[in-house]
Amino acid sequence: MAENEAQVSPPGSLLQLIDNLARFHREHEEYYSQAPLRQAGELQAGSRVLKALADRWSEVSVGEQTGSVGFAGAQDLNAPGLVAESGVLFMEGEGEPTELQRLKREVRQVADDVEQTGTWLTQAMEQAWEIAGSLAAYPALADLLGERHRIICNDWQSAALQCLIARLLRRSLDLLAKVDFTPAALRADLAGERHAPAYLYSASELLDRAADLTAESAMLVHDNERRWRVFRARVRELQSA
């Protein structure tokens, strides 16, 4: 019996390695099935800021500078309710609101982070694919190889999405760079062709799509939860045997 098990099951050292990978990668994925959902919410919040400003600037009649006193709120440029919600405040005599600068920095940081994660995950799945293929030599795991390869496919797809998300976020920043957010420049634009709202709408749509794909990435990883649990249970069963 022991001889037969040795023929159909991976050796003990390989089972130990597989068990370690199943345990810690499952835990790692528990994080990545939740954290992107929070990130998606933050991207949507940034998109709402851009849309609120674009809505305002599409309709408002351009006003004059409120007064000579610096730091006074620019009544024509500030969207109703947006200051309290996001802190974005256009002030006379000032430049681009600090909160908008922060929003763009955060989007750029998210782009860098997800690209790094996506690149690493792609390389990791290349290796995982080869290892999973080698498990076909062990009949004791044959009925679970579909589950293991599905985990890899989900992670691989998630990795591709993250690289695409980074592209979307960076392109949204490219569009925002076309807008001069100083009050004087905005009033000059709004008194003419009103290009600023169009750029903001398009940038917000790219953020929206990035948020959707971020949530989709989390769903793909979350789909692995049961598959990891079943796969590891078999590995531990074989270890006990």
Protein backbone atom coordinates (compact mmCIF):
# COMPACT_ATOMS: atom_id res chain seq x y z
CA MET A 1 0.00 0.00 0.00
CA ALA A 2 2.78 2.40 0.94
CA GLU A 3 4.60 1.57 -2.29
CA ASN A 4 1.48 2.29 -4.33
CA GLU A 5 0.92 5.62 -2.56
CA ALA A 6 4.51 6.60 -3.26
CA GLN A 7 3.85 6.05 -6.95
CA VAL A 8 0.70 8.14 -7.19
CA SER A 9 1.52 10.89 -4.66
CA PRO A 10 4.21 13.57 -4.73
CA PRO A 11 7.19 12.93 -2.43
CA GLY A 12 6.98 14.33 1.09
CA SER A 13 9.34 17.24 0.39
CA LEU A 14 7.22 18.35 -2.58
CA LEU A 15 4.01 17.98 -0.57
CA GLN A 16 5.52 20.19 2.13
CA LEU A 17 6.40 22.84 -0.45
CA ILE A 18 2.94 22.70 -2.04
CA ASP A 19 1.29 22.96 1.36
CA ASN A 20 3.39 26.02 2.20
CA LEU A 21 2.48 27.71 -1.09
CA ALA A 22 -1.20 26.87 -0.71
CA ARG A 23 -1.30 28.28 2.80
CA PHE A 24 0.54 31.55 2.32
CA HIS A 25 -0.68 32.35 -1.18
CA ARG A 26 -4.24 31.82 -0.02
CA GLU A 27 -3.64 34.27 2.84
CA HIS A 28 -1.98 36.71 0.43
CA GLU A 29 -4.98 36.53 -1.87
CA GLU A 30 -7.37 37.16 1.00
CA TYR A 31 -5.81 40.61 1.21
CA TYR A 32 -5.96 41.20 -2.56
CA SER A 33 -9.60 40.20 -2.70
CA GLN A 34 -10.47 43.07 -0.32
CA ALA A 35 -7.93 45.89 -0.67
CA PRO A 36 -8.78 46.62 -4.33
CA LEU A 37 -12.41 47.22 -3.37
CA ARG A 38 -11.36 50.06 -1.10
CA GLN A 39 -9.08 51.34 -3.84
CA ALA A 40 -11.95 51.25 -6.34
CA GLY A 41 -14.06 53.36 -3.98
CA GLU A 42 -11.29 55.94 -3.73
CA LEU A 43 -10.96 56.12 -7.51
CA GLN A 44 -14.71 56.60 -7.85
CA ALA A 45 -14.57 59.40 -5.27
CA GLY A 46 -11.88 61.14 -7.32
CA SER A 47 -13.98 60.69 -10.44
CA ARG A 48 -16.98 62.30 -8.73
CA VAL A 49 -14.86 65.35 -7.90
CA LEU A 50 -13.91 65.78 -11.56
CA LYS A 51 -17.49 65.29 -12.74
CA ALA A 52 -18.83 67.81 -10.22
CA LEU A 53 -16.37 70.43 -11.44
CA ALA A 54 -17.08 69.61 -15.08
CA ASP A 55 -20.83 69.90 -14.47
CA ARG A 56 -20.34 73.27 -12.83
CA TRP A 57 -18.01 74.64 -15.47
CA SER A 58 -20.23 73.46 -18.31
CA GLU A 59 -23.08 75.73 -17.21
CA VAL A 60 -21.83 78.52 -14.98
CA SER A 61 -21.59 82.07 -16.21
CA VAL A 62 -18.03 83.24 -15.77
CA GLY A 63 -17.76 85.77 -12.97
CA GLU A 64 -15.22 88.35 -11.97
CA GLN A 65 -12.72 87.97 -9.19
CA THR A 66 -14.68 88.12 -5.95
CA GLY A 67 -12.48 90.83 -4.52
CA SER A 68 -8.98 91.95 -3.87
CA VAL A 69 -8.79 89.97 -0.64
CA GLY A 70 -6.75 86.84 -1.11
CA PHE A 71 -8.11 83.44 -0.09
CA ALA A 72 -11.72 84.44 -0.79
CA GLY A 73 -13.68 81.61 -2.39
CA ALA A 74 -14.21 81.83 -6.16
CA GLN A 75 -17.99 81.67 -6.30
CA ASP A 76 -18.23 80.85 -9.99
CA LEU A 77 -15.62 78.07 -9.97
CA ASN A 78 -16.57 76.11 -6.85
CA ALA A 79 -19.15 73.38 -7.39
CA PRO A 80 -22.06 73.36 -4.90
CA GLY A 81 -21.41 70.95 -2.04
CA LEU A 82 -18.03 69.85 -3.35
CA VAL A 83 -15.95 71.89 -0.91
CA ALA A 84 -17.51 70.17 2.10
CA GLU A 85 -17.33 66.73 0.49
CA SER A 86 -13.81 66.78 -0.94
CA GLY A 87 -12.10 69.90 0.36
CA VAL A 88 -11.47 71.13 -3.19
CA LEU A 89 -11.65 74.92 -2.89
CA PHE A 90 -10.79 77.46 -5.58
CA MET A 91 -9.64 80.70 -3.96
CA GLU A 92 -8.97 84.11 -5.41
CA GLY A 93 -5.33 84.91 -5.88
CA GLU A 94 -4.33 81.27 -5.44
CA GLY A 95 -3.28 78.55 -7.85
CA GLU A 96 -4.51 75.00 -8.30
CA PRO A 97 -6.26 73.76 -5.14
CA THR A 98 -4.06 71.65 -2.91
CA GLU A 99 -6.70 68.93 -2.82
CA LEU A 100 -6.61 68.53 -6.59
CA GLN A 101 -2.84 68.25 -6.50
CA ARG A 102 -3.18 65.58 -3.83
CA LEU A 103 -5.78 63.71 -5.88
CA LYS A 104 -3.42 63.56 -8.86
CA ARG A 105 -0.49 62.44 -6.67
CA GLU A 106 -2.61 59.64 -5.23
CA VAL A 107 -3.77 58.50 -8.66
CA ARG A 108 -0.16 58.45 -9.85
CA GLN A 109 0.86 56.43 -6.78
CA VAL A 110 -1.93 53.92 -7.38
CA ALA A 111 -0.82 53.56 -11.00
CA ASP A 112 2.76 52.84 -9.92
CA ASP A 113 1.64 50.36 -7.27
CA VAL A 114 -0.75 48.34 -9.43
CA GLU A 115 1.72 48.21 -12.31
CA GLN A 116 4.40 46.86 -9.98
CA THR A 117 1.99 44.29 -8.55
CA GLY A 118 0.74 43.28 -12.00
CA THR A 119 4.25 42.82 -13.36
CA TRP A 120 5.32 40.73 -10.36
CA LEU A 121 2.16 38.62 -10.50
CA THR A 122 2.59 37.94 -14.21
CA GLN A 123 6.09 36.59 -13.60
CA ALA A 124 4.91 34.56 -10.62
CA MET A 125 2.14 32.94 -12.68
CA GLU A 126 4.62 31.97 -15.38
CA GLN A 127 6.45 29.92 -12.78
CA ALA A 128 3.27 28.63 -11.17
CA TRP A 129 2.01 27.40 -14.54
CA GLU A 130 5.13 25.29 -15.06
CA ILE A 131 4.99 23.86 -11.53
CA ALA A 132 1.29 23.02 -11.88
CA GLY A 133 2.01 21.18 -15.11
CA SER A 134 4.59 19.00 -13.38
CA LEU A 135 1.93 17.85 -10.89
CA ALA A 136 0.26 15.89 -13.69
CA ALA A 137 2.79 13.17 -12.94
CA TYR A 138 0.96 12.38 -9.69
CA PRO A 139 -2.47 10.74 -10.12
CA ALA A 140 -3.38 11.50 -6.50
CA LEU A 141 -3.77 15.15 -7.51
CA ALA A 142 -5.21 14.58 -10.98
CA ASP A 143 -8.79 15.50 -10.12
CA LEU A 144 -7.69 18.83 -8.61
CA LEU A 145 -5.41 20.02 -11.39
CA GLY A 146 -8.35 21.88 -12.93
CA GLU A 147 -8.80 23.81 -9.69
CA ARG A 148 -5.10 24.63 -9.45
CA HIS A 149 -4.92 25.86 -13.02
CA ARG A 150 -8.07 27.93 -12.53
CA ILE A 151 -6.37 29.69 -9.60
CA ILE A 152 -3.43 30.50 -11.83
CA CYS A 153 -5.68 31.73 -14.65
CA ASN A 154 -7.61 33.99 -12.28
CA ASP A 155 -4.39 35.48 -10.92
CA TRP A 156 -2.94 35.86 -14.40
CA GLN A 157 -6.04 37.68 -15.57
CA SER A 158 -5.93 39.87 -12.47
CA ALA A 159 -2.30 40.71 -13.24
CA ALA A 160 -3.22 41.78 -16.79
CA LEU A 161 -6.04 43.93 -15.46
CA GLN A 162 -3.71 45.67 -13.04
CA CYS A 163 -1.34 46.62 -15.84
CA LEU A 164 -4.30 47.97 -17.82
CA ILE A 165 -5.54 49.88 -14.78
CA ALA A 166 -2.14 51.58 -14.52
CA ARG A 167 -2.42 52.68 -18.16
CA LEU A 168 -5.91 54.09 -17.62
CA LEU A 169 -4.84 56.03 -14.55
CA ARG A 170 -1.80 57.52 -16.23
CA ARG A 171 -3.83 58.54 -19.26
CA SER A 172 -6.36 60.26 -17.00
CA LEU A 173 -3.46 62.25 -15.54
CA ASP A 174 -2.33 63.14 -19.07
CA LEU A 175 -5.77 64.62 -19.73
CA LEU A 176 -5.80 66.54 -16.47
CA ALA A 177 -2.41 67.99 -17.36
CA LYS A 178 -4.12 69.76 -20.26
CA VAL A 179 -6.10 71.89 -17.81
CA ASP A 180 -4.66 74.95 -16.08
CA PHE A 181 -6.49 74.96 -12.75
CA THR A 182 -5.59 78.50 -11.71
CA PRO A 183 -8.73 80.68 -11.39
CA ALA A 184 -7.56 83.18 -13.99
CA ALA A 185 -6.81 80.51 -16.59
CA LEU A 186 -10.07 78.70 -15.90
CA ARG A 187 -12.11 81.87 -16.32
CA ALA A 188 -10.34 82.59 -19.60
CA ASP A 189 -11.16 79.09 -20.84
CA LEU A 190 -14.77 79.19 -19.63
CA ALA A 191 -15.29 82.55 -21.33
CA GLY A 192 -14.18 80.97 -24.59
CA GLU A 193 -14.22 77.38 -25.85
CA ARG A 194 -14.71 75.70 -22.44
CA HIS A 195 -12.22 72.90 -23.06
CA ALA A 196 -11.65 72.26 -19.36
CA PRO A 197 -15.00 70.49 -18.70
CA ALA A 198 -14.42 68.14 -21.65
CA TYR A 199 -11.00 67.11 -20.37
CA LEU A 200 -12.40 66.57 -16.87
CA TYR A 201 -15.28 64.42 -18.12
CA SER A 202 -12.91 62.23 -20.12
CA ALA A 203 -10.42 61.92 -17.26
CA SER A 204 -13.25 60.96 -14.89
CA GLU A 205 -14.47 58.28 -17.31
CA LEU A 206 -11.00 56.72 -17.35
CA LEU A 207 -10.99 56.73 -13.55
CA ASP A 208 -14.41 55.08 -13.58
CA ARG A 209 -13.21 52.32 -15.86
CA ALA A 210 -10.08 51.83 -13.76
CA ALA A 211 -12.31 51.51 -10.66
CA ASP A 212 -14.51 48.93 -12.41
CA LEU A 213 -11.49 46.85 -13.44
CA THR A 214 -10.05 47.14 -9.94
CA ALA A 215 -13.23 45.62 -8.52
CA GLU A 216 -13.17 42.94 -11.22
CA SER A 217 -9.60 42.10 -10.25
CA ALA A 218 -10.68 41.59 -6.65
CA MET A 219 -13.52 39.31 -7.77
CA LEU A 220 -11.13 37.13 -9.75
CA VAL A 221 -8.86 36.69 -6.76
CA HIS A 222 -11.81 36.08 -4.43
CA ASP A 223 -12.94 33.25 -6.71
CA ASN A 224 -9.81 31.35 -5.65
CA GLU A 225 -10.79 31.04 -1.99
CA ARG A 226 -12.63 27.71 -2.16
CA ARG A 227 -10.22 26.33 -4.74
CA TRP A 228 -7.22 26.94 -2.48
CA ARG A 229 -9.09 25.37 0.48
CA VAL A 230 -9.96 22.19 -1.44
CA PHE A 231 -6.50 21.87 -2.95
CA ARG A 232 -4.72 22.29 0.38
CA ALA A 233 -7.06 19.81 2.10
CA ARG A 234 -5.99 17.13 -0.39
CA VAL A 235 -2.32 17.95 0.07
CA ARG A 236 -2.62 17.66 3.85
CA GLU A 237 -4.52 14.39 3.45
CA LEU A 238 -1.67 13.00 1.40
CA GLN A 239 0.85 14.25 3.96
CA SER A 240 -1.01 12.42 6.72
CA ALA A 241 -1.09 9.24 4.66
